[in-house]
Amino acid sequence: MDIINSLPSTRFHDIDEALAFVGIYDDQERTRSYLRMLAELKNEIRGKIVIEAGCGLGIFSEHMAKLGAEKVYAVEQNPALFSLARERLKKYPNIQAVHSSIEKFRPKEKISLLLHDFFGQFLYDESLESLSRLRFQPGIIAPDEGILGCGAASLADMNDPVINSSIMRSLSGVLISALFDEKKLSLEHDLLTWKAKNKFLKKSRHTIRHLKGDLLYFGIKILFRGRQYCISGKCRNWNFIWTHRSADQFELVFRTGSEIPEVFFKWNTG
């Protein structure tokens, strides 16, 4: 979904971000996976005070309220999404919509559970870092683990009628999402692991000599208590990220300081 007309910059940003989030709900596998996770956590929800961080439209906040939470804080920073969530959730006396970023929010009560979806397509390229700056200590953060993995493939096997080897070579060092059909791919090699309450990893170097193929792709796995709930390709919200393979080693850097961490990728060809 794209905005066509001219708008004041702040409103354009807010609406553009909100539309991107609304599109997440098209990923029904993601929704089903998160609902399964909440079912596993029903004893940590019933009669407890819980938070949905970055609640969007508040679907999971609503579900936690129905599971018997004493109180649900539906926390949303985006003003357009907050207004939609507040309107949608106002019929639930045990839900309080909060217009705030999660790192600025400080509840007075003890929090049993914080539910989030701060995973970017490249793991760290969204809001995961905000969970290391909380002003409170939730009993449980769910999901509690994310893995950035990769695999290699042959361009010849992609059977793409347009993208050939010349085009891919011209894109060396460029990370591109959803470039090819992703239905039958698997993540062969784990690169980075994020775990709740661990330090944010900003720089890493990787060797992929054992992987065979002239294309490199990246994807993420989302886990809770060791069980996988979502993976790129199956959950459509997270596409595979592609690049031409130019060497057997590369470096990743996630630069923080802005609202969303910047991703830097470089092949080590020396």
C-alpha atoms as a PDB file:
ATOM      1  CA  MET A   1       0.000   0.000   0.000  1.00  0.00           C
ATOM      2  CA  ASP A   2       1.434   3.354  -1.075  1.00  0.00           C
ATOM      3  CA  ILE A   3       0.322   6.916  -0.290  1.00  0.00           C
ATOM      4  CA  ILE A   4      -0.191   8.796  -3.551  1.00  0.00           C
ATOM      5  CA  ASN A   5      -1.007  12.356  -2.510  1.00  0.00           C
ATOM      6  CA  SER A   6       1.213  14.912  -0.801  1.00  0.00           C
ATOM      7  CA  LEU A   7       0.879  15.181   2.991  1.00  0.00           C
ATOM      8  CA  PRO A   8       2.732  17.042   5.749  1.00  0.00           C
ATOM      9  CA  SER A   9       5.877  15.038   6.496  1.00  0.00           C
ATOM     10  CA  THR A  10       4.886  13.976  10.015  1.00  0.00           C
ATOM     11  CA  ARG A  11       1.450  12.774   8.928  1.00  0.00           C
ATOM     12  CA  PHE A  12       2.947  11.017   5.890  1.00  0.00           C
ATOM     13  CA  HIS A  13       5.377   9.145   8.162  1.00  0.00           C
ATOM     14  CA  ASP A  14       2.682   8.181  10.666  1.00  0.00           C
ATOM     15  CA  ILE A  15       0.216   6.934   8.036  1.00  0.00           C
ATOM     16  CA  ASP A  16       2.906   5.181   5.980  1.00  0.00           C
ATOM     17  CA  GLU A  17       4.122   3.333   9.080  1.00  0.00           C
ATOM     18  CA  ALA A  18       0.560   2.472  10.078  1.00  0.00           C
ATOM     19  CA  LEU A  19      -0.244   1.053   6.634  1.00  0.00           C
ATOM     20  CA  ALA A  20       2.876  -1.106   6.769  1.00  0.00           C
ATOM     21  CA  PHE A  21       1.745  -2.503  10.116  1.00  0.00           C
ATOM     22  CA  VAL A  22      -1.809  -3.113   8.923  1.00  0.00           C
ATOM     23  CA  GLY A  23      -0.320  -5.237   6.147  1.00  0.00           C
ATOM     24  CA  ILE A  24       1.187  -7.525   8.786  1.00  0.00           C
ATOM     25  CA  TYR A  25      -2.290  -8.853   9.531  1.00  0.00           C
ATOM     26  CA  ASP A  26      -2.398 -10.375   6.054  1.00  0.00           C
ATOM     27  CA  ASP A  27       0.106 -12.892   7.433  1.00  0.00           C
ATOM     28  CA  GLN A  28      -2.388 -15.338   8.904  1.00  0.00           C
ATOM     29  CA  GLU A  29       0.326 -17.856   9.777  1.00  0.00           C
ATOM     30  CA  ARG A  30       1.954 -15.217  11.997  1.00  0.00           C
ATOM     31  CA  THR A  31      -1.365 -14.508  13.706  1.00  0.00           C
ATOM     32  CA  ARG A  32      -2.041 -18.219  14.290  1.00  0.00           C
ATOM     33  CA  SER A  33       1.488 -18.710  15.639  1.00  0.00           C
ATOM     34  CA  TYR A  34       1.170 -15.870  18.130  1.00  0.00           C
ATOM     35  CA  LEU A  35      -2.230 -17.126  19.280  1.00  0.00           C
ATOM     36  CA  ARG A  36      -0.673 -20.566  19.902  1.00  0.00           C
ATOM     37  CA  MET A  37       2.032 -18.857  21.936  1.00  0.00           C
ATOM     38  CA  LEU A  38      -0.568 -17.030  24.026  1.00  0.00           C
ATOM     39  CA  ALA A  39      -2.424 -20.302  24.605  1.00  0.00           C
ATOM     40  CA  GLU A  40       0.810 -21.728  26.031  1.00  0.00           C
ATOM     41  CA  LEU A  41       1.033 -18.685  28.299  1.00  0.00           C
ATOM     42  CA  LYS A  42      -2.557 -18.701  29.548  1.00  0.00           C
ATOM     43  CA  ASN A  43      -1.495 -19.351  33.158  1.00  0.00           C
ATOM     44  CA  GLU A  44       0.864 -16.358  33.021  1.00  0.00           C
ATOM     45  CA  ILE A  45      -1.978 -14.203  31.624  1.00  0.00           C
ATOM     46  CA  ARG A  46      -5.048 -15.142  33.663  1.00  0.00           C
ATOM     47  CA  GLY A  47      -5.408 -12.814  36.632  1.00  0.00           C
ATOM     48  CA  LYS A  48      -2.125 -11.049  35.798  1.00  0.00           C
ATOM     49  CA  ILE A  49      -1.060  -7.672  34.423  1.00  0.00           C
ATOM     50  CA  VAL A  50       0.380  -7.954  30.931  1.00  0.00           C
ATOM     51  CA  ILE A  51       1.620  -5.732  28.102  1.00  0.00           C
ATOM     52  CA  GLU A  52       1.452  -5.867  24.339  1.00  0.00           C
ATOM     53  CA  ALA A  53       4.328  -3.710  23.121  1.00  0.00           C
ATOM     54  CA  GLY A  54       3.702  -2.145  19.721  1.00  0.00           C
ATOM     55  CA  CYS A  55       0.105  -3.364  19.796  1.00  0.00           C
ATOM     56  CA  GLY A  56      -0.899  -2.105  16.339  1.00  0.00           C
ATOM     57  CA  LEU A  57      -4.627  -2.748  16.061  1.00  0.00           C
ATOM     58  CA  GLY A  58      -4.640  -4.557  19.411  1.00  0.00           C
ATOM     59  CA  ILE A  59      -5.620  -8.043  18.262  1.00  0.00           C
ATOM     60  CA  PHE A  60      -3.374  -9.817  20.751  1.00  0.00           C
ATOM     61  CA  SER A  61      -4.277  -7.386  23.536  1.00  0.00           C
ATOM     62  CA  GLU A  62      -7.908  -8.327  22.939  1.00  0.00           C
ATOM     63  CA  HIS A  63      -7.036 -12.014  23.063  1.00  0.00           C
ATOM     64  CA  MET A  64      -5.147 -11.634  26.364  1.00  0.00           C
ATOM     65  CA  ALA A  65      -8.136  -9.784  27.819  1.00  0.00           C
ATOM     66  CA  LYS A  66     -10.367 -12.697  26.804  1.00  0.00           C
ATOM     67  CA  LEU A  67      -7.888 -15.121  28.399  1.00  0.00           C
ATOM     68  CA  GLY A  68      -8.647 -13.448  31.719  1.00  0.00           C
ATOM     69  CA  ALA A  69      -5.863 -10.921  32.227  1.00  0.00           C
ATOM     70  CA  GLU A  70      -6.542  -8.624  35.158  1.00  0.00           C
ATOM     71  CA  LYS A  71      -5.211  -5.747  33.059  1.00  0.00           C
ATOM     72  CA  VAL A  72      -3.714  -5.390  29.602  1.00  0.00           C
ATOM     73  CA  TYR A  73      -1.602  -2.412  28.636  1.00  0.00           C
ATOM     74  CA  ALA A  74      -1.864  -1.992  24.855  1.00  0.00           C
ATOM     75  CA  VAL A  75       1.155   0.196  24.155  1.00  0.00           C
ATOM     76  CA  GLU A  76       1.499   1.846  20.736  1.00  0.00           C
ATOM     77  CA  GLN A  77       3.767   4.677  19.634  1.00  0.00           C
ATOM     78  CA  ASN A  78       2.300   5.415  16.210  1.00  0.00           C
ATOM     79  CA  PRO A  79      -0.534   7.971  16.634  1.00  0.00           C
ATOM     80  CA  ALA A  80      -2.653   6.609  13.783  1.00  0.00           C
ATOM     81  CA  LEU A  81      -2.440   3.026  15.065  1.00  0.00           C
ATOM     82  CA  PHE A  82      -2.974   4.143  18.661  1.00  0.00           C
ATOM     83  CA  SER A  83      -6.233   5.876  17.708  1.00  0.00           C
ATOM     84  CA  LEU A  84      -7.451   2.756  15.909  1.00  0.00           C
ATOM     85  CA  ALA A  85      -6.449   0.476  18.786  1.00  0.00           C
ATOM     86  CA  ARG A  86      -8.051   2.710  21.419  1.00  0.00           C
ATOM     87  CA  GLU A  87     -11.328   2.779  19.507  1.00  0.00           C
ATOM     88  CA  ARG A  88     -11.267  -0.971  18.919  1.00  0.00           C
ATOM     89  CA  LEU A  89     -10.404  -1.911  22.506  1.00  0.00           C
ATOM     90  CA  LYS A  90     -12.565   0.570  24.437  1.00  0.00           C
ATOM     91  CA  LYS A  91     -15.252  -2.054  25.079  1.00  0.00           C
ATOM     92  CA  TYR A  92     -12.856  -4.054  27.265  1.00  0.00           C
ATOM     93  CA  PRO A  93     -12.686  -2.704  30.833  1.00  0.00           C
ATOM     94  CA  ASN A  94      -9.464  -4.617  31.492  1.00  0.00           C
ATOM     95  CA  ILE A  95      -7.530  -3.039  28.579  1.00  0.00           C
ATOM     96  CA  GLN A  96      -5.805   0.326  28.822  1.00  0.00           C
ATOM     97  CA  ALA A  97      -4.489   1.766  25.551  1.00  0.00           C
ATOM     98  CA  VAL A  98      -1.256   3.713  26.050  1.00  0.00           C
ATOM     99  CA  HIS A  99       0.200   6.146  23.505  1.00  0.00           C
ATOM    100  CA  SER A 100       3.935   5.673  24.077  1.00  0.00           C
ATOM    101  CA  SER A 101       7.026   3.870  22.931  1.00  0.00           C
ATOM    102  CA  ILE A 102       7.706   0.819  25.057  1.00  0.00           C
ATOM    103  CA  GLU A 103      11.075   2.138  26.268  1.00  0.00           C
ATOM    104  CA  LYS A 104       9.404   5.274  27.709  1.00  0.00           C
ATOM    105  CA  PHE A 105       6.516   3.439  29.333  1.00  0.00           C
ATOM    106  CA  ARG A 106       6.795   2.737  33.064  1.00  0.00           C
ATOM    107  CA  PRO A 107       3.862   0.833  34.575  1.00  0.00           C
ATOM    108  CA  LYS A 108       3.267   1.043  38.321  1.00  0.00           C
ATOM    109  CA  GLU A 109       2.362  -2.625  38.689  1.00  0.00           C
ATOM    110  CA  LYS A 110       4.396  -5.812  38.408  1.00  0.00           C
ATOM    111  CA  ILE A 111       4.210  -7.069  34.812  1.00  0.00           C
ATOM    112  CA  SER A 112       3.804 -10.806  34.299  1.00  0.00           C
ATOM    113  CA  LEU A 113       4.250 -10.856  30.506  1.00  0.00           C
ATOM    114  CA  LEU A 114       5.411  -8.556  27.727  1.00  0.00           C
ATOM    115  CA  LEU A 115       4.333  -9.683  24.257  1.00  0.00           C
ATOM    116  CA  HIS A 116       6.029  -8.112  21.242  1.00  0.00           C
ATOM    117  CA  ASP A 117       6.753  -8.442  17.552  1.00  0.00           C
ATOM    118  CA  PHE A 118       9.841  -6.293  17.135  1.00  0.00           C
ATOM    119  CA  PHE A 119      11.601  -8.620  14.680  1.00  0.00           C
ATOM    120  CA  GLY A 120      12.776  -7.103  11.416  1.00  0.00           C
ATOM    121  CA  GLN A 121      13.265  -9.052   8.209  1.00  0.00           C
ATOM    122  CA  PHE A 122      16.977  -8.971   9.056  1.00  0.00           C
ATOM    123  CA  LEU A 123      16.301  -9.666  12.756  1.00  0.00           C
ATOM    124  CA  TYR A 124      17.708  -6.450  14.264  1.00  0.00           C
ATOM    125  CA  ASP A 125      16.426  -3.981  11.643  1.00  0.00           C
ATOM    126  CA  GLU A 126      13.259  -3.074  13.548  1.00  0.00           C
ATOM    127  CA  SER A 127      12.753  -2.438  17.276  1.00  0.00           C
ATOM    128  CA  LEU A 128      14.373  -5.348  19.124  1.00  0.00           C
ATOM    129  CA  GLU A 129      16.905  -3.002  20.675  1.00  0.00           C
ATOM    130  CA  SER A 130      14.123  -1.179  22.530  1.00  0.00           C
ATOM    131  CA  LEU A 131      13.662  -4.251  24.739  1.00  0.00           C
ATOM    132  CA  SER A 132      17.124  -3.642  26.203  1.00  0.00           C
ATOM    133  CA  ARG A 133      16.028  -0.154  27.332  1.00  0.00           C
ATOM    134  CA  LEU A 134      12.868  -1.003  29.276  1.00  0.00           C
ATOM    135  CA  ARG A 135      12.119   0.997  32.427  1.00  0.00           C
ATOM    136  CA  PHE A 136      10.551  -2.049  34.071  1.00  0.00           C
ATOM    137  CA  GLN A 137      11.315  -5.760  34.380  1.00  0.00           C
ATOM    138  CA  PRO A 138       8.616  -8.078  32.984  1.00  0.00           C
ATOM    139  CA  GLY A 139       8.498 -11.609  34.289  1.00  0.00           C
ATOM    140  CA  ILE A 140       8.400 -13.028  30.754  1.00  0.00           C
ATOM    141  CA  ILE A 141       9.242 -11.566  27.360  1.00  0.00           C
ATOM    142  CA  ALA A 142       7.624 -13.432  24.481  1.00  0.00           C
ATOM    143  CA  PRO A 143       8.922 -14.337  22.011  1.00  0.00           C
ATOM    144  CA  ASP A 144      12.252 -14.691  23.794  1.00  0.00           C
ATOM    145  CA  GLU A 145      14.551 -15.694  20.942  1.00  0.00           C
ATOM    146  CA  GLY A 146      15.217 -14.803  17.318  1.00  0.00           C
ATOM    147  CA  ILE A 147      17.763 -16.290  14.931  1.00  0.00           C
ATOM    148  CA  LEU A 148      19.137 -14.771  11.738  1.00  0.00           C
ATOM    149  CA  GLY A 149      20.106 -17.583   9.394  1.00  0.00           C
ATOM    150  CA  CYS A 150      21.196 -17.946   5.806  1.00  0.00           C
ATOM    151  CA  GLY A 151      21.412 -20.373   2.939  1.00  0.00           C
ATOM    152  CA  ALA A 152      22.775 -20.553  -0.578  1.00  0.00           C
ATOM    153  CA  ALA A 153      21.010 -21.295  -3.840  1.00  0.00           C
ATOM    154  CA  SER A 154      21.759 -21.460  -7.545  1.00  0.00           C
ATOM    155  CA  LEU A 155      20.400 -18.734  -9.800  1.00  0.00           C
ATOM    156  CA  ALA A 156      19.758 -21.370 -12.465  1.00  0.00           C
ATOM    157  CA  ASP A 157      17.364 -23.142 -10.092  1.00  0.00           C
ATOM    158  CA  MET A 158      15.287 -19.994  -9.536  1.00  0.00           C
ATOM    159  CA  ASN A 159      13.858 -20.179 -13.079  1.00  0.00           C
ATOM    160  CA  ASP A 160      13.308 -16.445 -13.091  1.00  0.00           C
ATOM    161  CA  PRO A 161      12.435 -15.100 -16.587  1.00  0.00           C
ATOM    162  CA  VAL A 162      13.997 -11.668 -15.959  1.00  0.00           C
ATOM    163  CA  ILE A 163      16.768 -11.785 -13.383  1.00  0.00           C
ATOM    164  CA  ASN A 164      19.961 -13.189 -14.895  1.00  0.00           C
ATOM    165  CA  SER A 165      23.562 -13.437 -13.710  1.00  0.00           C
ATOM    166  CA  SER A 166      24.482  -9.985 -15.080  1.00  0.00           C
ATOM    167  CA  ILE A 167      21.701  -8.349 -13.091  1.00  0.00           C
ATOM    168  CA  MET A 168      22.656 -10.235  -9.932  1.00  0.00           C
ATOM    169  CA  ARG A 169      26.355  -9.343 -10.256  1.00  0.00           C
ATOM    170  CA  SER A 170      25.400  -5.684 -10.581  1.00  0.00           C
ATOM    171  CA  LEU A 171      23.597  -6.032  -7.257  1.00  0.00           C
ATOM    172  CA  SER A 172      26.569  -7.480  -5.373  1.00  0.00           C
ATOM    173  CA  GLY A 173      26.605  -6.149  -1.824  1.00  0.00           C
ATOM    174  CA  VAL A 174      22.936  -5.095  -2.026  1.00  0.00           C
ATOM    175  CA  LEU A 175      20.430  -6.871   0.228  1.00  0.00           C
ATOM    176  CA  ILE A 176      17.030  -7.202  -1.472  1.00  0.00           C
ATOM    177  CA  SER A 177      13.875  -8.680   0.023  1.00  0.00           C
ATOM    178  CA  ALA A 178      11.413 -10.993  -1.748  1.00  0.00           C
ATOM    179  CA  LEU A 179      13.478 -11.248  -4.935  1.00  0.00           C
ATOM    180  CA  PHE A 180      12.619 -14.871  -5.760  1.00  0.00           C
ATOM    181  CA  ASP A 181      10.038 -17.535  -4.953  1.00  0.00           C
ATOM    182  CA  GLU A 182      10.676 -18.554  -1.355  1.00  0.00           C
ATOM    183  CA  LYS A 183       8.363 -21.481  -0.722  1.00  0.00           C
ATOM    184  CA  LYS A 184      10.887 -24.338  -0.729  1.00  0.00           C
ATOM    185  CA  LEU A 185      13.897 -22.719   0.923  1.00  0.00           C
ATOM    186  CA  SER A 186      15.407 -23.624   4.282  1.00  0.00           C
ATOM    187  CA  LEU A 187      17.871 -21.791   6.498  1.00  0.00           C
ATOM    188  CA  GLU A 188      21.042 -23.885   6.420  1.00  0.00           C
ATOM    189  CA  HIS A 189      23.298 -21.904   8.729  1.00  0.00           C
ATOM    190  CA  ASP A 190      22.616 -19.830  11.874  1.00  0.00           C
ATOM    191  CA  LEU A 191      24.429 -16.475  11.973  1.00  0.00           C
ATOM    192  CA  LEU A 192      23.129 -14.443  14.924  1.00  0.00           C
ATOM    193  CA  THR A 193      20.941 -15.230  17.903  1.00  0.00           C
ATOM    194  CA  TRP A 194      18.993 -12.649  19.881  1.00  0.00           C
ATOM    195  CA  LYS A 195      17.711 -13.642  23.308  1.00  0.00           C
ATOM    196  CA  ALA A 196      15.558 -11.587  25.621  1.00  0.00           C
ATOM    197  CA  LYS A 197      17.553  -9.545  28.143  1.00  0.00           C
ATOM    198  CA  ASN A 198      20.841 -10.206  26.304  1.00  0.00           C
ATOM    199  CA  LYS A 199      23.117  -7.474  25.001  1.00  0.00           C
ATOM    200  CA  PHE A 200      22.344  -6.120  21.523  1.00  0.00           C
ATOM    201  CA  LEU A 201      24.940  -7.461  19.054  1.00  0.00           C
ATOM    202  CA  LYS A 202      26.155  -4.714  16.719  1.00  0.00           C
ATOM    203  CA  LYS A 203      28.951  -6.265  14.652  1.00  0.00           C
ATOM    204  CA  SER A 204      29.805  -9.775  13.457  1.00  0.00           C
ATOM    205  CA  ARG A 205      31.823 -11.592  10.792  1.00  0.00           C
ATOM    206  CA  HIS A 206      30.770 -14.837   9.136  1.00  0.00           C
ATOM    207  CA  THR A 207      32.205 -17.586   6.927  1.00  0.00           C
ATOM    208  CA  ILE A 208      29.953 -19.508   4.536  1.00  0.00           C
ATOM    209  CA  ARG A 209      32.546 -21.582   2.676  1.00  0.00           C
ATOM    210  CA  HIS A 210      30.505 -24.740   3.267  1.00  0.00           C
ATOM    211  CA  LEU A 211      27.422 -23.362   1.491  1.00  0.00           C
ATOM    212  CA  LYS A 212      27.081 -24.092  -2.236  1.00  0.00           C
ATOM    213  CA  GLY A 213      25.458 -21.653  -4.637  1.00  0.00           C
ATOM    214  CA  ASP A 214      25.936 -18.305  -6.375  1.00  0.00           C
ATOM    215  CA  LEU A 215      23.090 -16.651  -4.428  1.00  0.00           C
ATOM    216  CA  LEU A 216      23.014 -15.973  -0.703  1.00  0.00           C
ATOM    217  CA  TYR A 217      19.739 -15.531   1.139  1.00  0.00           C
ATOM    218  CA  PHE A 218      18.917 -14.599   4.730  1.00  0.00           C
ATOM    219  CA  GLY A 219      15.880 -15.239   6.898  1.00  0.00           C
ATOM    220  CA  ILE A 220      14.807 -15.347  10.516  1.00  0.00           C
ATOM    221  CA  LYS A 221      13.351 -17.850  12.942  1.00  0.00           C
ATOM    222  CA  ILE A 222      11.233 -16.731  15.909  1.00  0.00           C
ATOM    223  CA  LEU A 223      11.143 -18.905  19.008  1.00  0.00           C
ATOM    224  CA  PHE A 224       9.707 -19.032  22.489  1.00  0.00           C
ATOM    225  CA  ARG A 225      11.004 -21.431  25.143  1.00  0.00           C
ATOM    226  CA  GLY A 226      12.953 -23.240  22.446  1.00  0.00           C
ATOM    227  CA  ARG A 227       9.950 -23.856  20.200  1.00  0.00           C
ATOM    228  CA  GLN A 228       9.863 -22.310  16.729  1.00  0.00           C
ATOM    229  CA  TYR A 229       6.729 -20.286  15.968  1.00  0.00           C
ATOM    230  CA  CYS A 230       7.597 -18.381  12.795  1.00  0.00           C
ATOM    231  CA  ILE A 231      10.182 -18.625  10.015  1.00  0.00           C
ATOM    232  CA  SER A 232      10.813 -16.489   6.935  1.00  0.00           C
ATOM    233  CA  GLY A 233       8.897 -17.696   3.926  1.00  0.00           C
ATOM    234  CA  LYS A 234       6.262 -19.582   5.906  1.00  0.00           C
ATOM    235  CA  CYS A 235       5.242 -16.462   7.832  1.00  0.00           C
ATOM    236  CA  ARG A 236       4.882 -13.988   4.979  1.00  0.00           C
ATOM    237  CA  ASN A 237       5.616 -10.945   7.101  1.00  0.00           C
ATOM    238  CA  TRP A 238       9.287 -11.958   6.996  1.00  0.00           C
ATOM    239  CA  ASN A 239      10.624 -12.351   3.468  1.00  0.00           C
ATOM    240  CA  PHE A 240      13.950 -13.849   2.559  1.00  0.00           C
ATOM    241  CA  ILE A 241      16.688 -11.310   1.841  1.00  0.00           C
ATOM    242  CA  TRP A 242      18.840 -11.941  -1.247  1.00  0.00           C
ATOM    243  CA  THR A 243      22.210 -10.920  -2.612  1.00  0.00           C
ATOM    244  CA  HIS A 244      24.727 -12.117  -5.187  1.00  0.00           C
ATOM    245  CA  ARG A 245      27.417 -14.228  -3.595  1.00  0.00           C
ATOM    246  CA  SER A 246      30.756 -12.524  -4.115  1.00  0.00           C
ATOM    247  CA  ALA A 247      32.972 -14.257  -1.527  1.00  0.00           C
ATOM    248  CA  ASP A 248      32.989 -16.786   1.311  1.00  0.00           C
ATOM    249  CA  GLN A 249      33.112 -14.237   4.145  1.00  0.00           C
ATOM    250  CA  PHE A 250      31.052 -11.192   5.004  1.00  0.00           C
ATOM    251  CA  GLU A 251      30.601  -8.660   7.775  1.00  0.00           C
ATOM    252  CA  LEU A 252      27.362  -7.399   9.304  1.00  0.00           C
ATOM    253  CA  VAL A 253      27.033  -4.164  11.245  1.00  0.00           C
ATOM    254  CA  PHE A 254      23.875  -2.847  12.905  1.00  0.00           C
ATOM    255  CA  ARG A 255      24.279   0.840  13.670  1.00  0.00           C
ATOM    256  CA  THR A 256      22.006   2.165  16.364  1.00  0.00           C
ATOM    257  CA  GLY A 257      21.138   5.720  17.304  1.00  0.00           C
ATOM    258  CA  SER A 258      18.227   6.315  14.955  1.00  0.00           C
ATOM    259  CA  GLU A 259      14.683   5.038  15.532  1.00  0.00           C
ATOM    260  CA  ILE A 260      15.416   1.921  13.475  1.00  0.00           C
ATOM    261  CA  PRO A 261      18.939   0.400  13.400  1.00  0.00           C
ATOM    262  CA  GLU A 262      20.743   0.682  10.061  1.00  0.00           C
ATOM    263  CA  VAL A 263      22.090  -2.488   8.422  1.00  0.00           C
ATOM    264  CA  PHE A 264      25.554  -2.503   6.826  1.00  0.00           C
ATOM    265  CA  PHE A 265      26.715  -5.502   4.798  1.00  0.00           C
ATOM    266  CA  LYS A 266      30.131  -6.019   3.243  1.00  0.00           C
ATOM    267  CA  TRP A 267      31.835  -8.927   1.502  1.00  0.00           C
ATOM    268  CA  ASN A 268      35.374  -9.708   2.657  1.00  0.00           C
ATOM    269  CA  THR A 269      37.125 -10.422  -0.626  1.00  0.00           C
ATOM    270  CA  GLY A 270      40.748 -10.069   0.538  1.00  0.00           C
END
